[in-house]
Amino acid sequence: MNGASASIDAVSKAIIEQLQEDGRRPYAAIGKAVGLSEAAVRQRVQKLLDQGVMQIVAVTDPLTVGFRRQAMVGVNVEGDLDPVADALAALDEVEYVVLTAGSFDLLVEIVCEDDDHLLEMINKRIRALPGVRTTETFVYLKLRKQTYTWGTR
């Protein structure tokens, strides 16, 4: 997503809701639900994709694909945040990087196979990056809620 604010109407929001429920829902079924033709839905979806308003992706459950350890890592940086954030974002195990205001400069969500993999990520990959001053790791014990319905409800 590009971070720019896009103004979308109620019909586009309804299309997004349909795709959030099932990203493979046929355009004809979406059209019937929102009162548009299949072609009009296809055109709107393409516009939403082109504008960076949404993405259509497959979301996996890390536990079912062999990644049994998730954690949020708070990172404090010395100097410019951007190079550290970019280096963290380039790591395969990192699924989320955000620059923050508060106790940490960056929050980084990582997914690892096990505790040994988590230790290697923190000790050898994250703490070893130039500019990383300190880290604090919050290991996930149980995921209670995860949603992808922003902006429509």
N, C-alpha and C. Protein backbone atom coordinates (compact mmCIF):
# COMPACT_ATOMS: atom_id res chain seq x y z
N MET A 1 0.85 -1.17 0.00
CA MET A 1 0.00 0.00 0.00
C MET A 1 0.89 1.24 0.00
N ASN A 2 0.42 2.27 -0.68
CA ASN A 2 1.26 3.43 -0.85
C ASN A 2 1.16 4.46 0.26
N GLY A 3 0.20 4.34 1.18
CA GLY A 3 0.10 5.25 2.29
C GLY A 3 -0.69 6.51 1.98
N ALA A 4 -0.97 6.80 0.70
CA ALA A 4 -1.76 7.96 0.33
C ALA A 4 -3.23 7.68 0.62
N SER A 5 -3.94 8.71 1.01
CA SER A 5 -5.35 8.57 1.30
C SER A 5 -6.13 8.59 0.00
N ALA A 6 -6.99 7.59 -0.18
CA ALA A 6 -7.82 7.52 -1.37
C ALA A 6 -9.27 7.61 -0.94
N SER A 7 -10.04 8.38 -1.67
CA SER A 7 -11.46 8.51 -1.38
C SER A 7 -12.19 7.45 -2.19
N ILE A 8 -12.92 6.59 -1.49
CA ILE A 8 -13.69 5.56 -2.18
C ILE A 8 -15.15 5.67 -1.78
N ASP A 9 -16.02 5.37 -2.73
CA ASP A 9 -17.45 5.48 -2.47
C ASP A 9 -17.99 4.20 -1.83
N ALA A 10 -19.28 4.24 -1.49
CA ALA A 10 -19.91 3.13 -0.80
C ALA A 10 -19.90 1.85 -1.63
N VAL A 11 -20.04 1.97 -2.95
CA VAL A 11 -20.05 0.78 -3.81
C VAL A 11 -18.66 0.12 -3.81
N SER A 12 -17.62 0.93 -3.89
CA SER A 12 -16.27 0.37 -3.85
C SER A 12 -16.00 -0.29 -2.50
N LYS A 13 -16.47 0.33 -1.42
CA LYS A 13 -16.33 -0.28 -0.09
C LYS A 13 -17.05 -1.63 -0.05
N ALA A 14 -18.23 -1.69 -0.65
CA ALA A 14 -18.99 -2.94 -0.67
C ALA A 14 -18.25 -4.01 -1.47
N ILE A 15 -17.61 -3.61 -2.56
CA ILE A 15 -16.81 -4.56 -3.35
C ILE A 15 -15.64 -5.07 -2.51
N ILE A 16 -14.98 -4.17 -1.83
CA ILE A 16 -13.85 -4.57 -0.97
C ILE A 16 -14.33 -5.54 0.11
N GLU A 17 -15.48 -5.26 0.73
CA GLU A 17 -16.02 -6.17 1.75
C GLU A 17 -16.25 -7.57 1.17
N GLN A 18 -16.79 -7.63 -0.03
CA GLN A 18 -17.03 -8.91 -0.68
C GLN A 18 -15.71 -9.67 -0.87
N LEU A 19 -14.68 -8.96 -1.30
CA LEU A 19 -13.37 -9.60 -1.51
C LEU A 19 -12.68 -9.94 -0.20
N GLN A 20 -12.95 -9.18 0.87
CA GLN A 20 -12.38 -9.51 2.17
C GLN A 20 -12.98 -10.81 2.70
N GLU A 21 -14.23 -11.06 2.40
CA GLU A 21 -14.87 -12.31 2.80
C GLU A 21 -14.34 -13.49 2.00
N ASP A 22 -14.10 -13.26 0.69
CA ASP A 22 -13.60 -14.31 -0.19
C ASP A 22 -12.90 -13.65 -1.37
N GLY A 23 -11.57 -13.67 -1.34
CA GLY A 23 -10.78 -13.03 -2.38
C GLY A 23 -10.92 -13.67 -3.75
N ARG A 24 -11.55 -14.85 -3.81
CA ARG A 24 -11.75 -15.54 -5.09
C ARG A 24 -13.20 -15.46 -5.56
N ARG A 25 -14.01 -14.66 -4.87
CA ARG A 25 -15.43 -14.52 -5.25
C ARG A 25 -15.51 -14.01 -6.69
N PRO A 26 -16.32 -14.63 -7.51
CA PRO A 26 -16.45 -14.20 -8.92
C PRO A 26 -17.02 -12.78 -9.02
N TYR A 27 -16.55 -12.05 -10.03
CA TYR A 27 -17.02 -10.69 -10.24
C TYR A 27 -18.53 -10.65 -10.47
N ALA A 28 -19.08 -11.67 -11.11
CA ALA A 28 -20.53 -11.70 -11.33
C ALA A 28 -21.28 -11.77 -10.01
N ALA A 29 -20.79 -12.56 -9.06
CA ALA A 29 -21.44 -12.67 -7.74
C ALA A 29 -21.29 -11.36 -6.98
N ILE A 30 -20.13 -10.74 -7.08
CA ILE A 30 -19.93 -9.44 -6.42
C ILE A 30 -20.88 -8.41 -7.02
N GLY A 31 -20.98 -8.41 -8.35
CA GLY A 31 -21.86 -7.48 -9.03
C GLY A 31 -23.30 -7.61 -8.57
N LYS A 32 -23.74 -8.85 -8.43
CA LYS A 32 -25.11 -9.09 -7.96
C LYS A 32 -25.31 -8.54 -6.55
N ALA A 33 -24.30 -8.70 -5.70
CA ALA A 33 -24.40 -8.24 -4.31
C ALA A 33 -24.37 -6.72 -4.19
N VAL A 34 -23.67 -6.04 -5.10
CA VAL A 34 -23.50 -4.59 -4.98
C VAL A 34 -24.28 -3.80 -6.03
N GLY A 35 -24.97 -4.51 -6.93
CA GLY A 35 -25.80 -3.83 -7.92
C GLY A 35 -25.07 -3.30 -9.13
N LEU A 36 -23.99 -3.97 -9.53
CA LEU A 36 -23.25 -3.58 -10.74
C LEU A 36 -23.11 -4.77 -11.68
N SER A 37 -22.75 -4.48 -12.92
CA SER A 37 -22.47 -5.56 -13.86
C SER A 37 -21.11 -6.18 -13.54
N GLU A 38 -20.88 -7.37 -14.07
CA GLU A 38 -19.58 -8.02 -13.89
C GLU A 38 -18.45 -7.14 -14.43
N ALA A 39 -18.68 -6.54 -15.59
CA ALA A 39 -17.65 -5.68 -16.20
C ALA A 39 -17.35 -4.46 -15.34
N ALA A 40 -18.39 -3.88 -14.76
CA ALA A 40 -18.19 -2.70 -13.91
C ALA A 40 -17.41 -3.07 -12.65
N VAL A 41 -17.70 -4.25 -12.08
CA VAL A 41 -16.95 -4.71 -10.91
C VAL A 41 -15.49 -4.93 -11.28
N ARG A 42 -15.26 -5.59 -12.41
CA ARG A 42 -13.88 -5.85 -12.86
C ARG A 42 -13.11 -4.53 -13.00
N GLN A 43 -13.75 -3.53 -13.57
CA GLN A 43 -13.12 -2.23 -13.77
C GLN A 43 -12.82 -1.55 -12.43
N ARG A 44 -13.76 -1.59 -11.50
CA ARG A 44 -13.54 -0.97 -10.19
C ARG A 44 -12.44 -1.69 -9.42
N VAL A 45 -12.44 -3.02 -9.46
CA VAL A 45 -11.41 -3.78 -8.75
C VAL A 45 -10.04 -3.41 -9.31
N GLN A 46 -9.93 -3.34 -10.63
CA GLN A 46 -8.65 -2.99 -11.23
C GLN A 46 -8.20 -1.60 -10.82
N LYS A 47 -9.15 -0.66 -10.75
CA LYS A 47 -8.82 0.71 -10.32
C LYS A 47 -8.35 0.72 -8.87
N LEU A 48 -9.03 -0.04 -8.00
CA LEU A 48 -8.63 -0.11 -6.59
C LEU A 48 -7.24 -0.71 -6.45
N LEU A 49 -6.93 -1.71 -7.26
CA LEU A 49 -5.60 -2.32 -7.25
C LEU A 49 -4.55 -1.33 -7.76
N ASP A 50 -4.85 -0.67 -8.87
CA ASP A 50 -3.91 0.29 -9.46
C ASP A 50 -3.62 1.47 -8.53
N GLN A 51 -4.63 1.90 -7.77
CA GLN A 51 -4.47 3.02 -6.85
C GLN A 51 -3.76 2.61 -5.55
N GLY A 52 -3.56 1.31 -5.36
CA GLY A 52 -2.93 0.84 -4.13
C GLY A 52 -3.87 0.84 -2.94
N VAL A 53 -5.18 0.95 -3.19
CA VAL A 53 -6.17 0.94 -2.11
C VAL A 53 -6.23 -0.45 -1.48
N MET A 54 -6.06 -1.48 -2.30
CA MET A 54 -6.13 -2.85 -1.79
C MET A 54 -5.19 -3.74 -2.58
N GLN A 55 -4.97 -4.93 -2.01
CA GLN A 55 -4.24 -6.01 -2.66
C GLN A 55 -5.09 -7.26 -2.51
N ILE A 56 -4.96 -8.16 -3.44
CA ILE A 56 -5.62 -9.46 -3.29
C ILE A 56 -4.50 -10.47 -3.13
N VAL A 57 -4.44 -11.09 -1.94
CA VAL A 57 -3.36 -12.01 -1.62
C VAL A 57 -3.90 -13.23 -0.89
N ALA A 58 -3.11 -14.28 -0.87
CA ALA A 58 -3.42 -15.44 -0.05
C ALA A 58 -2.76 -15.24 1.31
N VAL A 59 -3.52 -15.36 2.38
CA VAL A 59 -2.99 -15.19 3.73
C VAL A 59 -2.88 -16.57 4.35
N THR A 60 -1.68 -16.92 4.79
CA THR A 60 -1.47 -18.23 5.40
C THR A 60 -1.48 -18.12 6.92
N ASP A 61 -1.74 -19.22 7.55
CA ASP A 61 -1.62 -19.32 9.00
C ASP A 61 -0.21 -19.85 9.25
N PRO A 62 0.67 -19.05 9.87
CA PRO A 62 2.06 -19.48 10.04
C PRO A 62 2.20 -20.85 10.71
N LEU A 63 1.33 -21.14 11.68
CA LEU A 63 1.42 -22.43 12.38
C LEU A 63 1.24 -23.61 11.44
N THR A 64 0.36 -23.48 10.47
CA THR A 64 0.08 -24.61 9.57
C THR A 64 1.14 -24.81 8.50
N VAL A 65 2.02 -23.82 8.32
CA VAL A 65 3.08 -23.96 7.31
C VAL A 65 4.46 -24.04 7.94
N GLY A 66 4.52 -24.45 9.22
CA GLY A 66 5.80 -24.75 9.85
C GLY A 66 6.47 -23.63 10.63
N PHE A 67 5.77 -22.53 10.84
CA PHE A 67 6.36 -21.42 11.60
C PHE A 67 5.62 -21.34 12.94
N ARG A 68 6.25 -21.91 13.96
CA ARG A 68 5.58 -22.08 15.25
C ARG A 68 5.87 -20.96 16.26
N ARG A 69 6.71 -20.01 15.88
CA ARG A 69 7.05 -18.94 16.82
C ARG A 69 6.88 -17.59 16.13
N GLN A 70 6.03 -16.74 16.70
CA GLN A 70 5.88 -15.37 16.23
C GLN A 70 6.25 -14.43 17.37
N ALA A 71 6.77 -13.28 17.01
CA ALA A 71 7.14 -12.30 18.02
C ALA A 71 7.10 -10.90 17.43
N MET A 72 6.87 -9.95 18.32
CA MET A 72 7.00 -8.54 17.97
C MET A 72 8.29 -8.08 18.63
N VAL A 73 9.14 -7.42 17.87
CA VAL A 73 10.41 -6.94 18.39
C VAL A 73 10.42 -5.42 18.35
N GLY A 74 10.58 -4.81 19.52
CA GLY A 74 10.76 -3.38 19.60
C GLY A 74 12.23 -3.08 19.40
N VAL A 75 12.53 -2.14 18.51
CA VAL A 75 13.92 -1.83 18.17
C VAL A 75 14.18 -0.34 18.40
N ASN A 76 15.27 -0.04 19.10
CA ASN A 76 15.74 1.34 19.23
C ASN A 76 16.98 1.50 18.37
N VAL A 77 17.01 2.61 17.65
CA VAL A 77 18.02 2.84 16.63
C VAL A 77 18.83 4.09 16.97
N GLU A 78 20.10 4.02 16.64
CA GLU A 78 20.98 5.18 16.75
C GLU A 78 21.10 5.78 15.36
N GLY A 79 20.70 7.04 15.22
CA GLY A 79 20.80 7.69 13.91
C GLY A 79 19.53 7.52 13.09
N ASP A 80 19.71 7.54 11.78
CA ASP A 80 18.61 7.50 10.82
C ASP A 80 17.86 6.16 10.87
N LEU A 81 16.54 6.22 11.00
CA LEU A 81 15.73 5.01 11.07
C LEU A 81 15.58 4.30 9.73
N ASP A 82 15.56 5.06 8.64
CA ASP A 82 15.23 4.48 7.35
C ASP A 82 16.14 3.32 6.91
N PRO A 83 17.45 3.43 7.02
CA PRO A 83 18.28 2.31 6.59
C PRO A 83 18.03 1.04 7.42
N VAL A 84 17.79 1.21 8.71
CA VAL A 84 17.52 0.05 9.56
C VAL A 84 16.16 -0.55 9.20
N ALA A 85 15.16 0.31 9.03
CA ALA A 85 13.82 -0.17 8.66
C ALA A 85 13.87 -0.91 7.32
N ASP A 86 14.62 -0.37 6.36
CA ASP A 86 14.75 -1.02 5.05
C ASP A 86 15.44 -2.37 5.17
N ALA A 87 16.50 -2.44 5.98
CA ALA A 87 17.22 -3.71 6.16
C ALA A 87 16.34 -4.76 6.82
N LEU A 88 15.56 -4.33 7.80
CA LEU A 88 14.64 -5.26 8.47
C LEU A 88 13.55 -5.73 7.51
N ALA A 89 13.00 -4.81 6.73
CA ALA A 89 11.94 -5.15 5.78
C ALA A 89 12.42 -6.15 4.73
N ALA A 90 13.71 -6.17 4.46
CA ALA A 90 14.27 -7.09 3.46
C ALA A 90 14.42 -8.52 3.97
N LEU A 91 14.30 -8.73 5.28
CA LEU A 91 14.44 -10.08 5.84
C LEU A 91 13.18 -10.90 5.59
N ASP A 92 13.34 -12.12 5.10
CA ASP A 92 12.20 -12.97 4.78
C ASP A 92 11.29 -13.23 5.97
N GLU A 93 11.84 -13.35 7.14
CA GLU A 93 11.06 -13.67 8.34
C GLU A 93 10.24 -12.49 8.86
N VAL A 94 10.54 -11.31 8.38
CA VAL A 94 9.86 -10.10 8.84
C VAL A 94 8.62 -9.89 8.00
N GLU A 95 7.48 -9.76 8.69
CA GLU A 95 6.25 -9.52 7.95
C GLU A 95 5.66 -8.14 8.19
N TYR A 96 6.26 -7.36 9.07
CA TYR A 96 5.68 -6.07 9.42
C TYR A 96 6.78 -5.20 10.01
N VAL A 97 6.93 -4.00 9.49
CA VAL A 97 7.87 -3.03 10.06
C VAL A 97 7.16 -1.68 10.10
N VAL A 98 7.18 -1.05 11.26
CA VAL A 98 6.55 0.26 11.38
C VAL A 98 7.45 1.19 12.19
N LEU A 99 7.58 2.43 11.73
CA LEU A 99 8.29 3.46 12.47
C LEU A 99 7.29 4.02 13.48
N THR A 100 7.72 4.15 14.74
CA THR A 100 6.79 4.52 15.79
C THR A 100 7.26 5.73 16.57
N ALA A 101 6.33 6.28 17.33
CA ALA A 101 6.64 7.31 18.32
C ALA A 101 6.33 6.67 19.67
N GLY A 102 7.27 6.66 20.56
CA GLY A 102 7.04 6.04 21.86
C GLY A 102 8.31 5.39 22.36
N SER A 103 8.15 4.27 23.05
CA SER A 103 9.29 3.59 23.67
C SER A 103 10.27 2.99 22.67
N PHE A 104 9.79 2.69 21.46
CA PHE A 104 10.64 2.09 20.44
C PHE A 104 10.61 2.94 19.18
N ASP A 105 11.71 2.88 18.45
CA ASP A 105 11.76 3.57 17.16
C ASP A 105 11.05 2.77 16.08
N LEU A 106 11.18 1.44 16.17
CA LEU A 106 10.58 0.54 15.19
C LEU A 106 9.90 -0.61 15.91
N LEU A 107 8.81 -1.10 15.32
CA LEU A 107 8.21 -2.36 15.74
C LEU A 107 8.29 -3.30 14.56
N VAL A 108 8.75 -4.52 14.84
CA VAL A 108 9.01 -5.49 13.79
C VAL A 108 8.34 -6.81 14.17
N GLU A 109 7.44 -7.29 13.31
CA GLU A 109 6.82 -8.59 13.57
C GLU A 109 7.58 -9.64 12.77
N ILE A 110 7.99 -10.71 13.47
CA ILE A 110 8.74 -11.77 12.79
C ILE A 110 8.05 -13.12 13.02
N VAL A 111 8.24 -13.99 12.05
CA VAL A 111 7.70 -15.35 12.10
C VAL A 111 8.86 -16.30 11.93
N CYS A 112 9.00 -17.23 12.89
CA CYS A 112 10.13 -18.15 12.90
C CYS A 112 9.65 -19.59 13.05
N GLU A 113 10.51 -20.51 12.67
CA GLU A 113 10.16 -21.92 12.77
C GLU A 113 10.07 -22.40 14.21
N ASP A 114 10.97 -21.90 15.06
CA ASP A 114 11.03 -22.35 16.46
C ASP A 114 11.85 -21.35 17.26
N ASP A 115 12.09 -21.68 18.53
CA ASP A 115 12.84 -20.76 19.39
C ASP A 115 14.28 -20.58 18.94
N ASP A 116 14.92 -21.63 18.42
CA ASP A 116 16.29 -21.49 17.92
C ASP A 116 16.34 -20.50 16.76
N HIS A 117 15.38 -20.59 15.87
CA HIS A 117 15.30 -19.68 14.73
C HIS A 117 15.05 -18.25 15.22
N LEU A 118 14.18 -18.08 16.22
CA LEU A 118 13.91 -16.76 16.81
C LEU A 118 15.18 -16.18 17.41
N LEU A 119 15.92 -16.98 18.16
CA LEU A 119 17.17 -16.53 18.76
C LEU A 119 18.17 -16.10 17.70
N GLU A 120 18.29 -16.88 16.64
CA GLU A 120 19.20 -16.55 15.55
C GLU A 120 18.79 -15.23 14.89
N MET A 121 17.49 -15.04 14.69
CA MET A 121 17.00 -13.80 14.08
C MET A 121 17.34 -12.58 14.94
N ILE A 122 17.07 -12.69 16.21
CA ILE A 122 17.30 -11.54 17.10
C ILE A 122 18.79 -11.29 17.29
N ASN A 123 19.52 -12.34 17.64
CA ASN A 123 20.92 -12.20 18.01
C ASN A 123 21.85 -11.96 16.83
N LYS A 124 21.66 -12.70 15.76
CA LYS A 124 22.61 -12.66 14.63
C LYS A 124 22.17 -11.73 13.50
N ARG A 125 20.86 -11.50 13.35
CA ARG A 125 20.41 -10.74 12.19
C ARG A 125 19.92 -9.34 12.56
N ILE A 126 19.06 -9.24 13.59
CA ILE A 126 18.51 -7.93 13.94
C ILE A 126 19.51 -7.10 14.74
N ARG A 127 20.02 -7.65 15.83
CA ARG A 127 20.96 -6.89 16.67
C ARG A 127 22.27 -6.59 15.95
N ALA A 128 22.59 -7.37 14.94
CA ALA A 128 23.84 -7.17 14.20
C ALA A 128 23.75 -6.05 13.16
N LEU A 129 22.56 -5.54 12.91
CA LEU A 129 22.43 -4.49 11.91
C LEU A 129 23.05 -3.18 12.40
N PRO A 130 23.80 -2.50 11.53
CA PRO A 130 24.37 -1.21 11.91
C PRO A 130 23.25 -0.24 12.30
N GLY A 131 23.41 0.42 13.43
CA GLY A 131 22.43 1.39 13.89
C GLY A 131 21.48 0.85 14.95
N VAL A 132 21.37 -0.49 15.07
CA VAL A 132 20.48 -1.05 16.09
C VAL A 132 21.16 -0.90 17.44
N ARG A 133 20.50 -0.19 18.35
CA ARG A 133 21.04 0.05 19.69
C ARG A 133 20.54 -0.99 20.68
N THR A 134 19.21 -1.17 20.75
CA THR A 134 18.63 -2.14 21.68
C THR A 134 17.41 -2.79 21.04
N THR A 135 17.04 -3.97 21.56
CA THR A 135 15.82 -4.64 21.14
C THR A 135 15.09 -5.16 22.38
N GLU A 136 13.80 -5.31 22.25
CA GLU A 136 13.00 -5.99 23.26
C GLU A 136 12.01 -6.87 22.52
N THR A 137 11.98 -8.14 22.88
CA THR A 137 11.18 -9.12 22.16
C THR A 137 9.94 -9.52 22.95
N PHE A 138 8.81 -9.51 22.26
CA PHE A 138 7.53 -9.92 22.84
C PHE A 138 7.07 -11.16 22.09
N VAL A 139 7.22 -12.32 22.72
CA VAL A 139 6.87 -13.60 22.09
C VAL A 139 5.36 -13.78 22.15
N TYR A 140 4.76 -14.16 21.04
CA TYR A 140 3.32 -14.40 20.99
C TYR A 140 3.04 -15.77 21.59
N LEU A 141 2.17 -15.82 22.57
CA LEU A 141 1.74 -17.10 23.15
C LEU A 141 0.50 -17.63 22.44
N LYS A 142 -0.42 -16.71 22.10
CA LYS A 142 -1.64 -17.11 21.41
C LYS A 142 -2.20 -15.90 20.67
N LEU A 143 -2.53 -16.11 19.42
CA LEU A 143 -3.12 -15.05 18.62
C LEU A 143 -4.63 -15.07 18.84
N ARG A 144 -5.17 -14.00 19.39
CA ARG A 144 -6.60 -13.95 19.72
C ARG A 144 -7.42 -13.37 18.58
N LYS A 145 -6.86 -12.38 17.87
CA LYS A 145 -7.61 -11.76 16.77
C LYS A 145 -6.64 -11.24 15.73
N GLN A 146 -6.99 -11.47 14.48
CA GLN A 146 -6.26 -10.88 13.36
C GLN A 146 -7.30 -10.60 12.29
N THR A 147 -7.34 -9.38 11.81
CA THR A 147 -8.38 -9.00 10.86
C THR A 147 -7.79 -8.24 9.68
N TYR A 148 -8.50 -8.28 8.58
CA TYR A 148 -8.09 -7.56 7.38
C TYR A 148 -9.27 -6.77 6.83
N THR A 149 -10.12 -6.25 7.71
CA THR A 149 -11.35 -5.57 7.27
C THR A 149 -11.29 -4.06 7.46
N TRP A 150 -10.11 -3.47 7.47
CA TRP A 150 -9.98 -2.04 7.69
C TRP A 150 -10.67 -1.26 6.59
N GLY A 151 -11.31 -0.16 7.01
CA GLY A 151 -11.85 0.78 6.06
C GLY A 151 -13.21 0.45 5.50
N THR A 152 -13.79 -0.66 5.88
CA THR A 152 -15.09 -1.01 5.32
C THR A 152 -16.16 -1.18 6.37
N ARG A 153 -15.77 -1.29 7.62
CA ARG A 153 -16.78 -1.52 8.68
C ARG A 153 -16.64 -0.51 9.77
